[in-house]
Amino acid sequence: MLIAADRDHKPLVCPSCDCTVIERTPRRPPRGAPELGRITLHCSACGRSAVYLAVANPGTQHQVEGSKE
């Protein structure tokens, strides 16, 4: 849920503790700038973390962990 909200540019809320103070690394680039690479989201209250890979075209995203091809 946290990753989906970040990808959709929606407000971030921790699904574990409902905290709205989420640290995003790296910071979001200016609107329209391409975003590539590893994105880390970290809740400042409970410490929950989520990590995902941003790719140039959202239609080509693939699951990285546990993928068998």
C-alpha atoms as a PDB file:
ATOM      1  CA  MET A   1       0.000   0.000   0.000  1.00  0.00           C
ATOM      2  CA  LEU A   2       2.834   2.388   0.843  1.00  0.00           C
ATOM      3  CA  ILE A   3       4.642   1.700  -2.432  1.00  0.00           C
ATOM      4  CA  ALA A   4       1.440   2.049  -4.485  1.00  0.00           C
ATOM      5  CA  ALA A   5       0.681   5.387  -2.821  1.00  0.00           C
ATOM      6  CA  ASP A   6       4.189   6.654  -3.579  1.00  0.00           C
ATOM      7  CA  ARG A   7       4.026   5.557  -7.229  1.00  0.00           C
ATOM      8  CA  ASP A   8       0.653   7.314  -7.574  1.00  0.00           C
ATOM      9  CA  HIS A   9       1.978  10.509  -5.904  1.00  0.00           C
ATOM     10  CA  LYS A  10      -0.599  10.160  -3.103  1.00  0.00           C
ATOM     11  CA  PRO A  11      -0.037  11.105   0.562  1.00  0.00           C
ATOM     12  CA  LEU A  12       2.059   8.485   2.369  1.00  0.00           C
ATOM     13  CA  VAL A  13       0.623   6.800   5.467  1.00  0.00           C
ATOM     14  CA  CYS A  14       2.313   3.889   7.237  1.00  0.00           C
ATOM     15  CA  PRO A  15       0.068   0.795   7.047  1.00  0.00           C
ATOM     16  CA  SER A  16       1.436  -0.435  10.397  1.00  0.00           C
ATOM     17  CA  CYS A  17       0.939   2.601  12.630  1.00  0.00           C
ATOM     18  CA  ASP A  18      -0.924   5.228  10.523  1.00  0.00           C
ATOM     19  CA  CYS A  19       1.938   7.723  10.862  1.00  0.00           C
ATOM     20  CA  THR A  20       2.132  10.290   8.067  1.00  0.00           C
ATOM     21  CA  VAL A  21       5.825  11.118   8.551  1.00  0.00           C
ATOM     22  CA  ILE A  22       7.480   8.923   5.917  1.00  0.00           C
ATOM     23  CA  GLU A  23      11.082   9.548   4.832  1.00  0.00           C
ATOM     24  CA  ARG A  24      11.622   9.008   1.106  1.00  0.00           C
ATOM     25  CA  THR A  25      15.117   8.389  -0.254  1.00  0.00           C
ATOM     26  CA  PRO A  26      15.953   9.798  -2.690  1.00  0.00           C
ATOM     27  CA  ARG A  27      13.653  12.811  -2.502  1.00  0.00           C
ATOM     28  CA  ARG A  28      11.047  13.051  -5.243  1.00  0.00           C
ATOM     29  CA  PRO A  29      12.442  14.802  -8.357  1.00  0.00           C
ATOM     30  CA  PRO A  30      10.723  17.854  -9.877  1.00  0.00           C
ATOM     31  CA  ARG A  31       7.435  17.131 -11.655  1.00  0.00           C
ATOM     32  CA  GLY A  32       8.030  15.552 -15.063  1.00  0.00           C
ATOM     33  CA  ALA A  33      11.639  14.508 -14.385  1.00  0.00           C
ATOM     34  CA  PRO A  34      12.294  10.794 -14.936  1.00  0.00           C
ATOM     35  CA  GLU A  35      12.688   8.732 -11.809  1.00  0.00           C
ATOM     36  CA  LEU A  36      14.886   5.652 -11.994  1.00  0.00           C
ATOM     37  CA  GLY A  37      16.467   3.353  -9.454  1.00  0.00           C
ATOM     38  CA  ARG A  38      15.903   2.251  -5.890  1.00  0.00           C
ATOM     39  CA  ILE A  39      13.306   4.111  -3.783  1.00  0.00           C
ATOM     40  CA  THR A  40      13.272   3.627   0.000  1.00  0.00           C
ATOM     41  CA  LEU A  41      10.334   4.623   2.204  1.00  0.00           C
ATOM     42  CA  HIS A  42      10.864   4.629   5.981  1.00  0.00           C
ATOM     43  CA  CYS A  43       8.314   5.344   8.738  1.00  0.00           C
ATOM     44  CA  SER A  44       9.723   7.653  11.394  1.00  0.00           C
ATOM     45  CA  ALA A  45       7.374   6.297  14.094  1.00  0.00           C
ATOM     46  CA  CYS A  46       7.557   2.493  13.889  1.00  0.00           C
ATOM     47  CA  GLY A  47      10.577   1.975  11.609  1.00  0.00           C
ATOM     48  CA  ARG A  48       8.745   0.057   8.887  1.00  0.00           C
ATOM     49  CA  SER A  49      10.575   0.222   5.560  1.00  0.00           C
ATOM     50  CA  ALA A  50       9.582  -0.471   1.989  1.00  0.00           C
ATOM     51  CA  VAL A  51      11.872  -0.533  -1.038  1.00  0.00           C
ATOM     52  CA  TYR A  52      11.055  -0.668  -4.729  1.00  0.00           C
ATOM     53  CA  LEU A  53      12.671  -0.039  -8.092  1.00  0.00           C
ATOM     54  CA  ALA A  54      11.361   2.837 -10.182  1.00  0.00           C
ATOM     55  CA  VAL A  55      11.595   2.360 -13.933  1.00  0.00           C
ATOM     56  CA  ALA A  56      11.082   4.809 -16.792  1.00  0.00           C
ATOM     57  CA  ASN A  57       7.886   3.225 -18.123  1.00  0.00           C
ATOM     58  CA  PRO A  58       5.392   2.051 -15.447  1.00  0.00           C
ATOM     59  CA  GLY A  59       4.034  -0.511 -17.922  1.00  0.00           C
ATOM     60  CA  THR A  60       7.344  -2.428 -17.811  1.00  0.00           C
ATOM     61  CA  GLN A  61       7.717  -2.857 -14.038  1.00  0.00           C
ATOM     62  CA  HIS A  62       8.573  -6.360 -12.910  1.00  0.00           C
ATOM     63  CA  GLN A  63       8.699  -7.926  -9.498  1.00  0.00           C
ATOM     64  CA  VAL A  64      12.341  -8.269  -8.485  1.00  0.00           C
ATOM     65  CA  GLU A  65      12.274 -10.474  -5.387  1.00  0.00           C
ATOM     66  CA  GLY A  66      11.076 -14.052  -5.787  1.00  0.00           C
ATOM     67  CA  SER A  67      10.893 -13.745  -9.557  1.00  0.00           C
ATOM     68  CA  LYS A  68      11.416 -16.951 -11.511  1.00  0.00           C
ATOM     69  CA  GLU A  69      11.785 -16.592 -15.242  1.00  0.00           C
END
